[in-house]
């Protein structure tokens, strides 16, 4: 029995590596964030860059790998360039497009789809990754520096810092 389980685990790991290579993903080299923290990275990270890809990671207690009920509210820095509207297809939250994306000034609210069927009862630390692709039309602040942003998921709130380098 152990041999079968060991072979299945090895096959699953190899399948994950092959799948990641197929989509051009690189292995995760970042440290795991502690629960209750968040991180933000813009690519490119230079002042005035537009459009950029903005990736946010929030480490929180998740139920069955999902962030839980409530919208995801991202408050971007006042110096960030934010369009009046962002297409659903330009954002990934937890690996899939949100049901809705609403923009109000520098606040972007994402609504995630409800999980189908019965939800398990496993509550464990997890990382929610939110990616605003270049098609979202976000632009870095025009001045280099460190900017604060926040992410609220239901009743949980997180602060992250976005570092912008000189052009």
C-alpha atoms as a PDB file:
ATOM      1  CA  UNK A   1       0.000   0.000   0.000  1.00  0.00           C
ATOM      2  CA  UNK A   2       2.825   2.432   0.867  1.00  0.00           C
ATOM      3  CA  UNK A   3       4.434   1.785  -2.505  1.00  0.00           C
ATOM      4  CA  UNK A   4       1.230   2.718  -4.319  1.00  0.00           C
ATOM      5  CA  UNK A   5       0.760   5.910  -2.249  1.00  0.00           C
ATOM      6  CA  UNK A   6       4.411   6.885  -2.674  1.00  0.00           C
ATOM      7  CA  UNK A   7       4.213   6.366  -6.432  1.00  0.00           C
ATOM      8  CA  UNK A   8       0.983   8.394  -6.596  1.00  0.00           C
ATOM      9  CA  UNK A   9       2.547  11.258  -4.620  1.00  0.00           C
ATOM     10  CA  UNK A  10       5.634  11.249  -6.842  1.00  0.00           C
ATOM     11  CA  UNK A  11       3.440  11.240  -9.964  1.00  0.00           C
ATOM     12  CA  UNK A  12       1.408  14.183  -8.616  1.00  0.00           C
ATOM     13  CA  UNK A  13       4.550  16.231  -7.932  1.00  0.00           C
ATOM     14  CA  UNK A  14       5.955  15.461 -11.374  1.00  0.00           C
ATOM     15  CA  UNK A  15       2.628  16.336 -13.028  1.00  0.00           C
ATOM     16  CA  UNK A  16       2.673  19.695 -11.238  1.00  0.00           C
ATOM     17  CA  UNK A  17       6.202  20.417 -12.426  1.00  0.00           C
ATOM     18  CA  UNK A  18       5.325  19.475 -16.011  1.00  0.00           C
ATOM     19  CA  UNK A  19       2.143  21.601 -15.911  1.00  0.00           C
ATOM     20  CA  UNK A  20       4.056  24.595 -14.535  1.00  0.00           C
ATOM     21  CA  UNK A  21       6.700  24.231 -17.220  1.00  0.00           C
ATOM     22  CA  UNK A  22       4.021  23.992 -19.916  1.00  0.00           C
ATOM     23  CA  UNK A  23       2.607  27.419 -19.027  1.00  0.00           C
ATOM     24  CA  UNK A  24       6.032  28.978 -18.561  1.00  0.00           C
ATOM     25  CA  UNK A  25       5.768  29.307 -14.783  1.00  0.00           C
ATOM     26  CA  UNK A  26       8.915  29.412 -12.718  1.00  0.00           C
ATOM     27  CA  UNK A  27       9.221  27.584  -9.403  1.00  0.00           C
ATOM     28  CA  UNK A  28       8.156  29.625  -6.394  1.00  0.00           C
ATOM     29  CA  UNK A  29      11.267  31.132  -4.860  1.00  0.00           C
ATOM     30  CA  UNK A  30       9.621  33.582  -2.458  1.00  0.00           C
ATOM     31  CA  UNK A  31       9.364  32.982   1.240  1.00  0.00           C
ATOM     32  CA  UNK A  32       6.009  32.002   2.669  1.00  0.00           C
ATOM     33  CA  UNK A  33       4.316  34.986   4.277  1.00  0.00           C
ATOM     34  CA  UNK A  34       3.150  34.695   7.889  1.00  0.00           C
ATOM     35  CA  UNK A  35      -0.627  34.569   8.443  1.00  0.00           C
ATOM     36  CA  UNK A  36      -2.047  38.090   8.593  1.00  0.00           C
ATOM     37  CA  UNK A  37       0.475  39.612   6.200  1.00  0.00           C
ATOM     38  CA  UNK A  38       0.454  40.717   2.580  1.00  0.00           C
ATOM     39  CA  UNK A  39       2.947  41.615  -0.135  1.00  0.00           C
ATOM     40  CA  UNK A  40       2.687  43.590  -3.378  1.00  0.00           C
ATOM     41  CA  UNK A  41       4.917  43.633  -6.471  1.00  0.00           C
ATOM     42  CA  UNK A  42       4.578  45.636  -9.680  1.00  0.00           C
ATOM     43  CA  UNK A  43       6.280  44.563 -12.911  1.00  0.00           C
ATOM     44  CA  UNK A  44       7.956  46.658 -14.098  1.00  0.00           C
ATOM     45  CA  UNK A  45       8.583  48.359 -10.759  1.00  0.00           C
ATOM     46  CA  UNK A  46       9.863  51.644 -12.190  1.00  0.00           C
ATOM     47  CA  UNK A  47       8.304  55.047 -11.566  1.00  0.00           C
ATOM     48  CA  UNK A  48       5.743  56.070 -14.155  1.00  0.00           C
ATOM     49  CA  UNK A  49       5.568  52.637 -15.830  1.00  0.00           C
ATOM     50  CA  UNK A  50       2.232  52.000 -17.537  1.00  0.00           C
ATOM     51  CA  UNK A  51       0.672  49.479 -17.950  1.00  0.00           C
ATOM     52  CA  UNK A  52       2.004  47.224 -15.212  1.00  0.00           C
ATOM     53  CA  UNK A  53       1.208  43.837 -13.753  1.00  0.00           C
ATOM     54  CA  UNK A  54       0.382  44.156 -10.051  1.00  0.00           C
ATOM     55  CA  UNK A  55       0.527  40.996  -7.943  1.00  0.00           C
ATOM     56  CA  UNK A  56      -0.824  40.952  -4.383  1.00  0.00           C
ATOM     57  CA  UNK A  57      -0.414  38.037  -2.000  1.00  0.00           C
ATOM     58  CA  UNK A  58      -2.342  37.825   1.269  1.00  0.00           C
ATOM     59  CA  UNK A  59      -1.684  35.068   3.789  1.00  0.00           C
ATOM     60  CA  UNK A  60      -4.831  34.227   5.727  1.00  0.00           C
ATOM     61  CA  UNK A  61      -6.871  31.462   7.255  1.00  0.00           C
ATOM     62  CA  UNK A  62      -8.858  29.913   4.433  1.00  0.00           C
ATOM     63  CA  UNK A  63     -11.718  27.429   4.401  1.00  0.00           C
ATOM     64  CA  UNK A  64     -10.975  24.582   1.996  1.00  0.00           C
ATOM     65  CA  UNK A  65      -8.436  26.752   0.184  1.00  0.00           C
ATOM     66  CA  UNK A  66     -10.939  29.586  -0.362  1.00  0.00           C
ATOM     67  CA  UNK A  67     -10.791  33.041   1.232  1.00  0.00           C
ATOM     68  CA  UNK A  68     -14.385  32.904   2.505  1.00  0.00           C
ATOM     69  CA  UNK A  69     -17.460  35.056   2.003  1.00  0.00           C
ATOM     70  CA  UNK A  70     -17.407  38.716   1.262  1.00  0.00           C
ATOM     71  CA  UNK A  71     -15.890  40.715  -1.524  1.00  0.00           C
ATOM     72  CA  UNK A  72     -12.179  41.381  -1.891  1.00  0.00           C
ATOM     73  CA  UNK A  73     -11.551  45.107  -1.565  1.00  0.00           C
ATOM     74  CA  UNK A  74      -8.183  46.399  -2.772  1.00  0.00           C
ATOM     75  CA  UNK A  75      -7.314  50.001  -1.871  1.00  0.00           C
ATOM     76  CA  UNK A  76      -4.520  51.205  -4.116  1.00  0.00           C
ATOM     77  CA  UNK A  77      -2.195  54.140  -3.356  1.00  0.00           C
ATOM     78  CA  UNK A  78      -3.527  57.580  -4.332  1.00  0.00           C
ATOM     79  CA  UNK A  79      -0.509  58.028  -6.630  1.00  0.00           C
ATOM     80  CA  UNK A  80      -1.317  54.827  -8.573  1.00  0.00           C
ATOM     81  CA  UNK A  81      -2.931  55.304 -11.985  1.00  0.00           C
ATOM     82  CA  UNK A  82      -6.243  53.448 -11.962  1.00  0.00           C
ATOM     83  CA  UNK A  83      -8.639  53.316 -14.928  1.00  0.00           C
ATOM     84  CA  UNK A  84     -12.372  53.967 -14.496  1.00  0.00           C
ATOM     85  CA  UNK A  85     -13.155  50.333 -15.310  1.00  0.00           C
ATOM     86  CA  UNK A  86     -11.243  47.051 -15.327  1.00  0.00           C
ATOM     87  CA  UNK A  87     -12.368  44.013 -17.314  1.00  0.00           C
ATOM     88  CA  UNK A  88     -12.948  40.773 -15.415  1.00  0.00           C
ATOM     89  CA  UNK A  89     -10.569  39.025 -17.801  1.00  0.00           C
ATOM     90  CA  UNK A  90      -7.716  41.339 -16.716  1.00  0.00           C
ATOM     91  CA  UNK A  91      -7.797  40.082 -13.106  1.00  0.00           C
ATOM     92  CA  UNK A  92      -7.149  36.727 -11.471  1.00  0.00           C
ATOM     93  CA  UNK A  93      -8.092  36.105  -7.850  1.00  0.00           C
ATOM     94  CA  UNK A  94      -7.122  32.712  -6.536  1.00  0.00           C
ATOM     95  CA  UNK A  95      -6.382  31.555 -10.077  1.00  0.00           C
ATOM     96  CA  UNK A  96      -9.707  32.468 -11.685  1.00  0.00           C
ATOM     97  CA  UNK A  97     -11.464  35.557 -12.960  1.00  0.00           C
ATOM     98  CA  UNK A  98     -13.767  37.258 -10.454  1.00  0.00           C
ATOM     99  CA  UNK A  99     -17.523  37.438 -11.090  1.00  0.00           C
ATOM    100  CA  UNK A 100     -17.408  41.222 -10.938  1.00  0.00           C
ATOM    101  CA  UNK A 101     -14.802  43.985 -10.833  1.00  0.00           C
ATOM    102  CA  UNK A 102     -15.919  47.434  -9.639  1.00  0.00           C
ATOM    103  CA  UNK A 103     -13.671  50.484  -9.615  1.00  0.00           C
ATOM    104  CA  UNK A 104     -14.398  53.522  -7.428  1.00  0.00           C
ATOM    105  CA  UNK A 105     -11.468  55.933  -7.460  1.00  0.00           C
ATOM    106  CA  UNK A 106      -8.494  53.967  -6.117  1.00  0.00           C
ATOM    107  CA  UNK A 107     -10.603  51.165  -4.656  1.00  0.00           C
ATOM    108  CA  UNK A 108     -11.176  47.976  -6.649  1.00  0.00           C
ATOM    109  CA  UNK A 109     -13.804  45.508  -5.400  1.00  0.00           C
ATOM    110  CA  UNK A 110     -13.754  41.908  -6.606  1.00  0.00           C
ATOM    111  CA  UNK A 111     -16.573  39.421  -6.132  1.00  0.00           C
ATOM    112  CA  UNK A 112     -15.562  35.769  -6.270  1.00  0.00           C
ATOM    113  CA  UNK A 113     -17.815  32.935  -7.400  1.00  0.00           C
ATOM    114  CA  UNK A 114     -19.360  30.821  -4.670  1.00  0.00           C
ATOM    115  CA  UNK A 115     -17.961  27.305  -4.428  1.00  0.00           C
ATOM    116  CA  UNK A 116     -20.270  24.701  -5.967  1.00  0.00           C
ATOM    117  CA  UNK A 117     -21.859  22.039  -3.795  1.00  0.00           C
ATOM    118  CA  UNK A 118     -20.931  21.263  -0.214  1.00  0.00           C
ATOM    119  CA  UNK A 119     -17.902  23.041   1.257  1.00  0.00           C
ATOM    120  CA  UNK A 120     -15.525  21.096   3.467  1.00  0.00           C
ATOM    121  CA  UNK A 121     -14.775  22.299   6.996  1.00  0.00           C
ATOM    122  CA  UNK A 122     -10.971  22.471   6.846  1.00  0.00           C
ATOM    123  CA  UNK A 123      -9.634  25.821   8.031  1.00  0.00           C
ATOM    124  CA  UNK A 124      -5.922  26.265   7.401  1.00  0.00           C
ATOM    125  CA  UNK A 125      -3.423  28.967   6.424  1.00  0.00           C
ATOM    126  CA  UNK A 126      -3.340  29.717   2.736  1.00  0.00           C
ATOM    127  CA  UNK A 127      -2.146  32.376   0.338  1.00  0.00           C
ATOM    128  CA  UNK A 128      -4.586  34.239  -1.877  1.00  0.00           C
ATOM    129  CA  UNK A 129      -2.892  35.658  -4.953  1.00  0.00           C
ATOM    130  CA  UNK A 130      -4.553  38.498  -6.842  1.00  0.00           C
ATOM    131  CA  UNK A 131      -3.048  39.472 -10.192  1.00  0.00           C
ATOM    132  CA  UNK A 132      -4.013  42.612 -12.093  1.00  0.00           C
ATOM    133  CA  UNK A 133      -2.627  41.912 -15.560  1.00  0.00           C
ATOM    134  CA  UNK A 134      -1.301  44.584 -17.913  1.00  0.00           C
ATOM    135  CA  UNK A 135      -4.742  44.674 -19.571  1.00  0.00           C
ATOM    136  CA  UNK A 136      -6.142  46.089 -16.299  1.00  0.00           C
ATOM    137  CA  UNK A 137      -4.445  49.380 -17.222  1.00  0.00           C
ATOM    138  CA  UNK A 138      -2.857  50.119 -13.842  1.00  0.00           C
ATOM    139  CA  UNK A 139       0.128  52.475 -13.790  1.00  0.00           C
ATOM    140  CA  UNK A 140       2.856  53.001 -11.207  1.00  0.00           C
ATOM    141  CA  UNK A 141       3.170  56.273  -9.296  1.00  0.00           C
ATOM    142  CA  UNK A 142       5.328  58.830 -11.113  1.00  0.00           C
ATOM    143  CA  UNK A 143       7.771  59.123  -8.188  1.00  0.00           C
ATOM    144  CA  UNK A 144       9.986  56.397  -6.742  1.00  0.00           C
ATOM    145  CA  UNK A 145       9.240  55.364  -3.187  1.00  0.00           C
ATOM    146  CA  UNK A 146       7.331  52.933  -1.006  1.00  0.00           C
ATOM    147  CA  UNK A 147       3.549  53.080  -1.158  1.00  0.00           C
ATOM    148  CA  UNK A 148       1.001  51.473   1.153  1.00  0.00           C
ATOM    149  CA  UNK A 149      -2.006  49.581  -0.080  1.00  0.00           C
ATOM    150  CA  UNK A 150      -4.578  47.437   1.663  1.00  0.00           C
ATOM    151  CA  UNK A 151      -6.575  44.324   0.947  1.00  0.00           C
ATOM    152  CA  UNK A 152      -9.768  43.454   2.812  1.00  0.00           C
ATOM    153  CA  UNK A 153     -11.315  40.023   2.458  1.00  0.00           C
ATOM    154  CA  UNK A 154     -14.538  39.765   4.421  1.00  0.00           C
ATOM    155  CA  UNK A 155     -13.600  40.674   7.992  1.00  0.00           C
ATOM    156  CA  UNK A 156      -9.842  40.202   7.447  1.00  0.00           C
ATOM    157  CA  UNK A 157      -7.650  43.201   6.563  1.00  0.00           C
ATOM    158  CA  UNK A 158      -4.071  43.267   5.304  1.00  0.00           C
ATOM    159  CA  UNK A 159      -1.529  45.999   4.581  1.00  0.00           C
ATOM    160  CA  UNK A 160       1.171  45.679   1.958  1.00  0.00           C
ATOM    161  CA  UNK A 161       3.934  47.917   0.691  1.00  0.00           C
ATOM    162  CA  UNK A 162       4.644  48.513  -2.973  1.00  0.00           C
ATOM    163  CA  UNK A 163       8.196  49.583  -3.786  1.00  0.00           C
ATOM    164  CA  UNK A 164       8.662  51.715  -6.897  1.00  0.00           C
ATOM    165  CA  UNK A 165      12.191  52.305  -8.210  1.00  0.00           C
ATOM    166  CA  UNK A 166      13.463  55.396 -10.075  1.00  0.00           C
ATOM    167  CA  UNK A 167      12.917  55.318 -13.839  1.00  0.00           C
END
